[in-house]
Amino acid sequence: MLLAEVFAFLCKLVNLFKMESKIETLIKESISLAENQFKGENNTQLFERADEEFKDLVQKGYAHKRGNNLLSISDIKSISKVVFNIH
């Protein structure tokens, strides 16, 4: 009898985690509506084309993606520099 109760409890847990919450459903519906709203818009198509061209330039090495391109402290220390203290 105990094994059957444990199995029933586990089945309830599995079903509980499979259910989508109302918030998830609303978010999915909102995303779907936004996609449909902007799908045929000219500005959206221009942006997507520009994004593809930029990805191509990054792949060819002509451009870099934005972000933190600074050297880390350990990388700075590994670069050998000769510094003269001239006054």
N, C-alpha and C. Protein backbone atom coordinates (compact mmCIF):
# COMPACT_ATOMS: atom_id res chain seq x y z
N MET A 1 0.82 -1.19 0.00
CA MET A 1 0.00 0.00 0.00
C MET A 1 0.86 1.26 0.00
N LEU A 2 1.95 1.24 0.73
CA LEU A 2 2.83 2.41 0.79
C LEU A 2 3.43 2.70 -0.57
N LEU A 3 3.82 1.67 -1.29
CA LEU A 3 4.40 1.85 -2.62
C LEU A 3 3.41 2.49 -3.58
N ALA A 4 2.16 2.12 -3.50
CA ALA A 4 1.12 2.70 -4.36
C ALA A 4 0.91 4.18 -4.03
N GLU A 5 0.96 4.53 -2.74
CA GLU A 5 0.79 5.93 -2.35
C GLU A 5 1.96 6.78 -2.84
N VAL A 6 3.17 6.23 -2.74
CA VAL A 6 4.35 6.95 -3.22
C VAL A 6 4.27 7.14 -4.73
N PHE A 7 3.86 6.11 -5.44
CA PHE A 7 3.72 6.19 -6.89
C PHE A 7 2.68 7.25 -7.27
N ALA A 8 1.55 7.28 -6.57
CA ALA A 8 0.49 8.26 -6.86
C ALA A 8 1.00 9.68 -6.59
N PHE A 9 1.76 9.84 -5.49
CA PHE A 9 2.32 11.15 -5.18
C PHE A 9 3.30 11.60 -6.25
N LEU A 10 4.16 10.69 -6.71
CA LEU A 10 5.12 11.02 -7.76
C LEU A 10 4.42 11.38 -9.07
N CYS A 11 3.35 10.68 -9.38
CA CYS A 11 2.58 11.00 -10.59
C CYS A 11 1.98 12.40 -10.50
N LYS A 12 1.49 12.77 -9.32
CA LYS A 12 0.94 14.12 -9.14
C LYS A 12 2.03 15.17 -9.31
N LEU A 13 3.23 14.90 -8.79
CA LEU A 13 4.34 15.84 -8.95
C LEU A 13 4.72 16.01 -10.41
N VAL A 14 4.78 14.91 -11.13
CA VAL A 14 5.14 14.98 -12.54
C VAL A 14 4.11 15.81 -13.30
N ASN A 15 2.84 15.57 -13.04
CA ASN A 15 1.78 16.33 -13.72
C ASN A 15 1.82 17.80 -13.32
N LEU A 16 2.17 18.08 -12.07
CA LEU A 16 2.25 19.46 -11.61
C LEU A 16 3.33 20.22 -12.36
N PHE A 17 4.49 19.59 -12.56
CA PHE A 17 5.59 20.28 -13.24
C PHE A 17 5.40 20.35 -14.74
N LYS A 18 4.55 19.53 -15.31
CA LYS A 18 4.29 19.59 -16.75
C LYS A 18 3.32 20.70 -17.11
N MET A 19 2.50 21.13 -16.18
CA MET A 19 1.49 22.15 -16.46
C MET A 19 2.16 23.51 -16.64
N GLU A 20 1.69 24.24 -17.60
CA GLU A 20 2.16 25.59 -17.80
C GLU A 20 1.36 26.53 -16.91
N SER A 21 2.05 27.47 -16.34
CA SER A 21 1.34 28.44 -15.51
C SER A 21 0.64 29.45 -16.43
N LYS A 22 -0.24 30.21 -15.85
CA LYS A 22 -0.98 31.21 -16.61
C LYS A 22 -0.03 32.28 -17.15
N ILE A 23 0.99 32.62 -16.36
CA ILE A 23 1.96 33.63 -16.78
C ILE A 23 2.71 33.15 -18.02
N GLU A 24 3.15 31.88 -18.02
CA GLU A 24 3.86 31.35 -19.19
C GLU A 24 2.98 31.40 -20.43
N THR A 25 1.72 31.06 -20.27
CA THR A 25 0.79 31.08 -21.40
C THR A 25 0.62 32.50 -21.93
N LEU A 26 0.48 33.47 -21.02
CA LEU A 26 0.32 34.87 -21.45
C LEU A 26 1.58 35.38 -22.14
N ILE A 27 2.74 35.01 -21.64
CA ILE A 27 3.99 35.44 -22.26
C ILE A 27 4.11 34.87 -23.67
N LYS A 28 3.80 33.58 -23.83
CA LYS A 28 3.87 32.97 -25.15
C LYS A 28 2.89 33.62 -26.12
N GLU A 29 1.70 33.94 -25.64
CA GLU A 29 0.72 34.60 -26.50
C GLU A 29 1.19 36.00 -26.89
N SER A 30 1.78 36.72 -25.93
CA SER A 30 2.28 38.07 -26.22
C SER A 30 3.40 38.04 -27.24
N ILE A 31 4.31 37.10 -27.10
CA ILE A 31 5.41 36.97 -28.06
C ILE A 31 4.88 36.64 -29.45
N SER A 32 3.92 35.75 -29.51
CA SER A 32 3.33 35.39 -30.79
C SER A 32 2.65 36.58 -31.45
N LEU A 33 1.92 37.36 -30.67
CA LEU A 33 1.26 38.55 -31.22
C LEU A 33 2.28 39.57 -31.71
N ALA A 34 3.36 39.77 -30.93
CA ALA A 34 4.39 40.73 -31.34
C ALA A 34 5.08 40.28 -32.61
N GLU A 35 5.37 38.97 -32.72
CA GLU A 35 6.00 38.45 -33.94
C GLU A 35 5.11 38.69 -35.15
N ASN A 36 3.84 38.42 -35.00
CA ASN A 36 2.91 38.62 -36.11
C ASN A 36 2.75 40.09 -36.46
N GLN A 37 2.80 40.95 -35.44
CA GLN A 37 2.62 42.39 -35.67
C GLN A 37 3.79 42.98 -36.46
N PHE A 38 5.01 42.55 -36.16
CA PHE A 38 6.19 43.14 -36.79
C PHE A 38 6.73 42.31 -37.95
N LYS A 39 6.08 41.22 -38.29
CA LYS A 39 6.61 40.30 -39.30
C LYS A 39 6.80 40.95 -40.67
N GLY A 40 5.84 41.63 -41.16
CA GLY A 40 5.93 42.17 -42.51
C GLY A 40 6.38 43.62 -42.57
N GLU A 41 6.76 44.19 -41.44
CA GLU A 41 7.14 45.59 -41.39
C GLU A 41 8.49 45.81 -42.08
N ASN A 42 8.60 46.89 -42.81
CA ASN A 42 9.79 47.20 -43.60
C ASN A 42 11.01 47.41 -42.70
N ASN A 43 10.83 48.14 -41.58
CA ASN A 43 11.96 48.40 -40.68
C ASN A 43 12.51 47.11 -40.09
N THR A 44 11.64 46.17 -39.80
CA THR A 44 12.07 44.90 -39.25
C THR A 44 12.91 44.14 -40.27
N GLN A 45 12.47 44.13 -41.51
CA GLN A 45 13.23 43.45 -42.55
C GLN A 45 14.59 44.11 -42.77
N LEU A 46 14.63 45.45 -42.73
CA LEU A 46 15.90 46.16 -42.88
C LEU A 46 16.86 45.82 -41.75
N PHE A 47 16.34 45.76 -40.52
CA PHE A 47 17.17 45.42 -39.38
C PHE A 47 17.72 44.00 -39.48
N GLU A 48 16.86 43.07 -39.88
CA GLU A 48 17.30 41.68 -40.00
C GLU A 48 18.37 41.53 -41.09
N ARG A 49 18.22 42.26 -42.18
CA ARG A 49 19.22 42.21 -43.25
C ARG A 49 20.55 42.82 -42.78
N ALA A 50 20.47 43.95 -42.06
CA ALA A 50 21.68 44.59 -41.53
C ALA A 50 22.36 43.68 -40.51
N ASP A 51 21.57 42.98 -39.71
CA ASP A 51 22.13 42.06 -38.72
C ASP A 51 22.87 40.92 -39.40
N GLU A 52 22.30 40.38 -40.46
CA GLU A 52 22.96 39.30 -41.20
C GLU A 52 24.26 39.79 -41.85
N GLU A 53 24.25 41.01 -42.40
CA GLU A 53 25.47 41.56 -43.00
C GLU A 53 26.54 41.77 -41.94
N PHE A 54 26.14 42.24 -40.75
CA PHE A 54 27.11 42.45 -39.68
C PHE A 54 27.70 41.12 -39.21
N LYS A 55 26.87 40.09 -39.09
CA LYS A 55 27.38 38.77 -38.70
C LYS A 55 28.38 38.27 -39.72
N ASP A 56 28.12 38.54 -41.00
CA ASP A 56 29.04 38.15 -42.06
C ASP A 56 30.38 38.89 -41.92
N LEU A 57 30.32 40.20 -41.61
CA LEU A 57 31.55 40.97 -41.42
C LEU A 57 32.34 40.47 -40.21
N VAL A 58 31.64 40.09 -39.15
CA VAL A 58 32.31 39.56 -37.96
C VAL A 58 32.98 38.23 -38.30
N GLN A 59 32.29 37.40 -39.05
CA GLN A 59 32.84 36.09 -39.42
C GLN A 59 34.08 36.25 -40.30
N LYS A 60 34.09 37.26 -41.17
CA LYS A 60 35.24 37.50 -42.03
C LYS A 60 36.38 38.21 -41.30
N GLY A 61 36.10 38.74 -40.11
CA GLY A 61 37.13 39.38 -39.33
C GLY A 61 37.25 40.87 -39.55
N TYR A 62 36.33 41.48 -40.28
CA TYR A 62 36.38 42.91 -40.55
C TYR A 62 35.79 43.74 -39.40
N ALA A 63 34.98 43.14 -38.56
CA ALA A 63 34.34 43.86 -37.46
C ALA A 63 34.35 42.97 -36.22
N HIS A 64 34.10 43.59 -35.08
CA HIS A 64 34.02 42.87 -33.82
C HIS A 64 32.67 43.16 -33.17
N LYS A 65 32.15 42.16 -32.48
CA LYS A 65 30.92 42.39 -31.74
C LYS A 65 31.22 43.30 -30.57
N ARG A 66 30.23 44.08 -30.21
CA ARG A 66 30.40 44.98 -29.07
C ARG A 66 30.48 44.16 -27.79
N GLY A 67 31.13 44.71 -26.83
CA GLY A 67 31.24 44.04 -25.55
C GLY A 67 32.52 44.45 -24.86
N ASN A 68 32.88 43.73 -23.84
CA ASN A 68 34.08 44.04 -23.09
C ASN A 68 35.27 43.45 -23.82
N ASN A 69 35.99 44.28 -24.56
CA ASN A 69 37.16 43.84 -25.30
C ASN A 69 38.46 44.19 -24.59
N LEU A 70 38.36 44.66 -23.35
CA LEU A 70 39.55 45.03 -22.60
C LEU A 70 40.26 43.77 -22.11
N LEU A 71 41.55 43.87 -21.95
CA LEU A 71 42.32 42.75 -21.44
C LEU A 71 42.06 42.58 -19.95
N SER A 72 42.06 41.35 -19.49
CA SER A 72 41.91 41.11 -18.06
C SER A 72 43.24 41.42 -17.37
N ILE A 73 43.22 41.47 -16.06
CA ILE A 73 44.43 41.79 -15.31
C ILE A 73 45.52 40.76 -15.56
N SER A 74 45.14 39.49 -15.61
CA SER A 74 46.14 38.44 -15.86
C SER A 74 46.71 38.55 -17.27
N ASP A 75 45.90 38.95 -18.24
CA ASP A 75 46.40 39.12 -19.60
C ASP A 75 47.33 40.32 -19.70
N ILE A 76 47.02 41.38 -18.99
CA ILE A 76 47.88 42.57 -19.01
C ILE A 76 49.25 42.24 -18.43
N LYS A 77 49.27 41.46 -17.36
CA LYS A 77 50.54 41.11 -16.72
C LYS A 77 51.38 40.20 -17.60
N SER A 78 50.77 39.42 -18.47
CA SER A 78 51.53 38.50 -19.31
C SER A 78 52.16 39.18 -20.51
N ILE A 79 51.71 40.39 -20.84
CA ILE A 79 52.29 41.12 -21.96
C ILE A 79 53.57 41.79 -21.47
N SER A 80 54.64 41.53 -22.16
CA SER A 80 55.91 42.13 -21.72
C SER A 80 56.05 43.51 -22.35
N LYS A 81 56.26 44.49 -21.49
CA LYS A 81 56.45 45.87 -21.93
C LYS A 81 57.73 46.40 -21.30
N VAL A 82 58.40 47.21 -22.06
CA VAL A 82 59.58 47.88 -21.54
C VAL A 82 59.20 49.31 -21.27
N VAL A 83 59.34 49.74 -20.02
CA VAL A 83 58.95 51.09 -19.63
C VAL A 83 60.19 51.76 -19.05
N PHE A 84 60.51 52.92 -19.58
CA PHE A 84 61.64 53.70 -19.06
C PHE A 84 61.09 54.87 -18.25
N ASN A 85 61.71 55.08 -17.14
CA ASN A 85 61.29 56.15 -16.25
C ASN A 85 62.13 57.38 -16.56
N ILE A 86 61.69 58.16 -17.52
CA ILE A 86 62.45 59.32 -17.97
C ILE A 86 61.74 60.58 -17.52
N HIS A 87 62.49 61.49 -16.87
CA HIS A 87 61.88 62.77 -16.44
C HIS A 87 62.53 63.90 -17.15
